Amino acid sequence: MKNVIYALILPLVVVSGLVFANRENGQKVLAGAVKIRNHINTSTNMEAVVTSLSLPPDSRSGFGVMVKINGYDYILSFGRENSNEFQQLHSLKVNDKIIISSHSVFSVSYTPNYSYPIVSGDYVERDGTIIYKRAPRKGGC
């Protein structure tokens, strides 16, 4: 009988450990998302510094870079790379100061798979030159 009880309690302990293990990361992601929510809702530009030219391992958000905005790290995602649409973005270097804008309310997302908020890049400018501007959707708003 004792073995049965132990067998039932063990999975509960393991599952609860998995659930609460990433709590601190989750709070960090939410705090970062809140920090720039106003910029996204008002479609204002944000200053960012490129911190890494590659995304975290097992990232499935397509092409993107890691940036720091107001002291928080973010994944700046541009989506799947199908053509030479991102050619000028490949010229970015670590510590480049860029200006980004995101016009979508849903552009900041938080997922348990990542330790950083994901911002979709709609507009990127470096040294006063536009290096990326997302094309408007066909047949939509």
Protein backbone atom coordinates (compact mmCIF):
# COMPACT_ATOMS: atom_id res chain seq x y z
CA MET A 1 0.00 0.00 0.00
CA LYS A 2 2.87 2.37 0.82
CA ASN A 3 4.42 1.77 -2.58
CA VAL A 4 1.16 2.64 -4.33
CA ILE A 5 0.91 5.92 -2.43
CA TYR A 6 4.52 6.76 -3.26
CA ALA A 7 3.88 5.89 -6.90
CA LEU A 8 0.91 8.29 -6.97
CA ILE A 9 2.65 11.15 -5.18
CA LEU A 10 5.91 11.03 -7.16
CA PRO A 11 4.36 12.17 -10.49
CA LEU A 12 2.61 15.03 -8.68
CA VAL A 13 5.90 16.23 -7.22
CA VAL A 14 7.65 16.01 -10.60
CA VAL A 15 4.85 17.85 -12.43
CA SER A 16 4.61 20.61 -9.82
CA GLY A 17 8.38 21.06 -10.02
CA LEU A 18 8.17 21.49 -13.78
CA VAL A 19 5.30 23.96 -13.50
CA PHE A 20 6.99 26.21 -10.97
CA ALA A 21 10.56 25.85 -12.27
CA ASN A 22 10.15 28.60 -14.89
CA ARG A 23 8.13 30.98 -12.72
CA GLU A 24 10.98 33.48 -12.41
CA ASN A 25 11.57 33.48 -16.18
CA GLY A 26 7.86 33.96 -16.76
CA GLN A 27 7.76 36.99 -14.49
CA LYS A 28 10.81 38.43 -16.28
CA VAL A 29 9.12 37.96 -19.67
CA LEU A 30 5.89 39.62 -18.50
CA ALA A 31 7.81 42.55 -16.98
CA GLY A 32 9.66 43.07 -20.26
CA ALA A 33 6.43 42.94 -22.25
CA VAL A 34 4.77 45.50 -19.97
CA LYS A 35 7.80 47.79 -20.27
CA ILE A 36 7.25 48.37 -24.03
CA ARG A 37 3.49 47.81 -24.28
CA ASN A 38 2.84 51.57 -24.39
CA HIS A 39 5.27 52.03 -27.31
CA ILE A 40 3.52 49.29 -29.23
CA ASN A 41 0.00 50.53 -28.53
CA THR A 42 0.92 54.06 -29.65
CA SER A 43 3.12 52.86 -32.55
CA THR A 44 6.07 54.98 -31.41
CA ASN A 45 9.69 54.24 -32.19
CA MET A 46 11.92 52.49 -29.68
CA GLU A 47 15.69 52.67 -29.39
CA ALA A 48 17.35 49.27 -29.21
CA VAL A 49 20.86 47.84 -29.14
CA VAL A 50 21.62 44.59 -30.97
CA THR A 51 23.01 42.13 -28.41
CA SER A 52 23.18 38.94 -30.49
CA LEU A 53 22.81 38.08 -34.16
CA SER A 54 21.39 34.66 -33.41
CA LEU A 55 18.29 33.57 -31.56
CA PRO A 56 18.26 31.21 -28.57
CA PRO A 57 18.68 27.48 -29.32
CA ASP A 58 15.53 25.68 -30.51
CA SER A 59 14.00 28.98 -31.63
CA ARG A 60 11.27 28.54 -34.21
CA SER A 61 10.40 32.17 -34.86
CA GLY A 62 12.27 32.44 -38.17
CA PHE A 63 14.88 35.13 -38.76
CA GLY A 64 15.56 37.50 -35.90
CA VAL A 65 18.09 39.08 -33.59
CA MET A 66 18.36 39.68 -29.87
CA VAL A 67 18.00 43.32 -28.80
CA LYS A 68 18.04 45.25 -25.55
CA ILE A 69 15.38 47.93 -25.04
CA ASN A 70 15.31 49.95 -21.81
CA GLY A 71 17.47 47.36 -20.04
CA TYR A 72 15.38 44.31 -21.04
CA ASP A 73 16.32 41.65 -23.58
CA TYR A 74 13.87 40.86 -26.40
CA ILE A 75 13.71 38.62 -29.44
CA LEU A 76 13.20 40.88 -32.46
CA SER A 77 11.52 38.52 -34.90
CA PHE A 78 10.93 39.11 -38.60
CA GLY A 79 9.39 35.77 -39.57
CA ARG A 80 10.41 33.15 -42.08
CA GLU A 81 13.16 34.05 -44.51
CA ASN A 82 11.84 33.23 -47.98
CA SER A 83 13.65 35.66 -50.27
CA ASN A 84 16.19 38.46 -50.03
CA GLU A 85 13.69 40.52 -48.02
CA PHE A 86 16.03 40.55 -45.00
CA GLN A 87 19.24 41.20 -46.94
CA GLN A 88 19.97 44.56 -45.27
CA LEU A 89 19.16 43.14 -41.84
CA HIS A 90 22.06 40.69 -42.27
CA SER A 91 24.40 43.72 -42.20
CA LEU A 92 23.56 44.36 -38.52
CA LYS A 93 26.38 43.92 -36.03
CA VAL A 94 26.44 43.41 -32.27
CA ASN A 95 26.18 46.75 -30.40
CA ASP A 96 24.54 48.51 -33.38
CA LYS A 97 22.03 51.09 -32.19
CA ILE A 98 18.79 50.78 -34.11
CA ILE A 99 15.33 52.30 -34.01
CA ILE A 100 12.48 49.83 -34.24
CA SER A 101 8.75 50.12 -34.48
CA SER A 102 6.01 47.58 -34.19
CA HIS A 103 2.44 48.51 -35.06
CA SER A 104 0.71 45.33 -34.05
CA VAL A 105 -0.99 45.08 -30.67
CA PHE A 106 -0.20 41.36 -30.63
CA SER A 107 3.45 41.88 -31.52
CA VAL A 108 4.68 41.22 -28.01
CA SER A 109 4.10 37.61 -27.18
CA TYR A 110 5.26 35.48 -24.34
CA THR A 111 5.51 31.77 -24.56
CA PRO A 112 6.83 29.16 -22.15
CA ASN A 113 9.32 28.05 -24.82
CA TYR A 114 11.34 31.27 -24.63
CA SER A 115 12.87 33.25 -21.77
CA TYR A 116 12.40 36.54 -23.65
CA PRO A 117 9.39 38.47 -24.98
CA ILE A 118 9.06 38.31 -28.76
CA VAL A 119 8.60 41.58 -30.65
CA SER A 120 7.75 41.43 -34.34
CA GLY A 121 9.82 43.90 -36.31
CA ASP A 122 7.75 46.10 -38.62
CA TYR A 123 10.33 48.83 -39.12
CA VAL A 124 14.09 49.03 -38.47
CA GLU A 125 16.29 52.07 -38.93
CA ARG A 126 20.06 52.40 -38.41
CA ASP A 127 21.95 55.70 -38.60
CA GLY A 128 18.93 57.45 -40.11
CA THR A 129 18.59 54.87 -42.91
CA ILE A 130 15.63 52.51 -43.14
CA ILE A 131 17.01 48.99 -43.45
CA TYR A 132 13.71 47.13 -43.13
CA LYS A 133 10.05 47.97 -43.49
CA ARG A 134 7.45 45.22 -43.43
CA ALA A 135 5.29 45.17 -46.55
CA PRO A 136 1.57 45.63 -45.87
CA ARG A 137 -0.53 42.50 -45.96
CA LYS A 138 -2.25 41.77 -49.24
CA GLY A 139 -6.03 41.98 -49.04
CA GLY A 140 -6.03 42.94 -45.38
CA CYS A 141 -5.60 45.80 -43.00
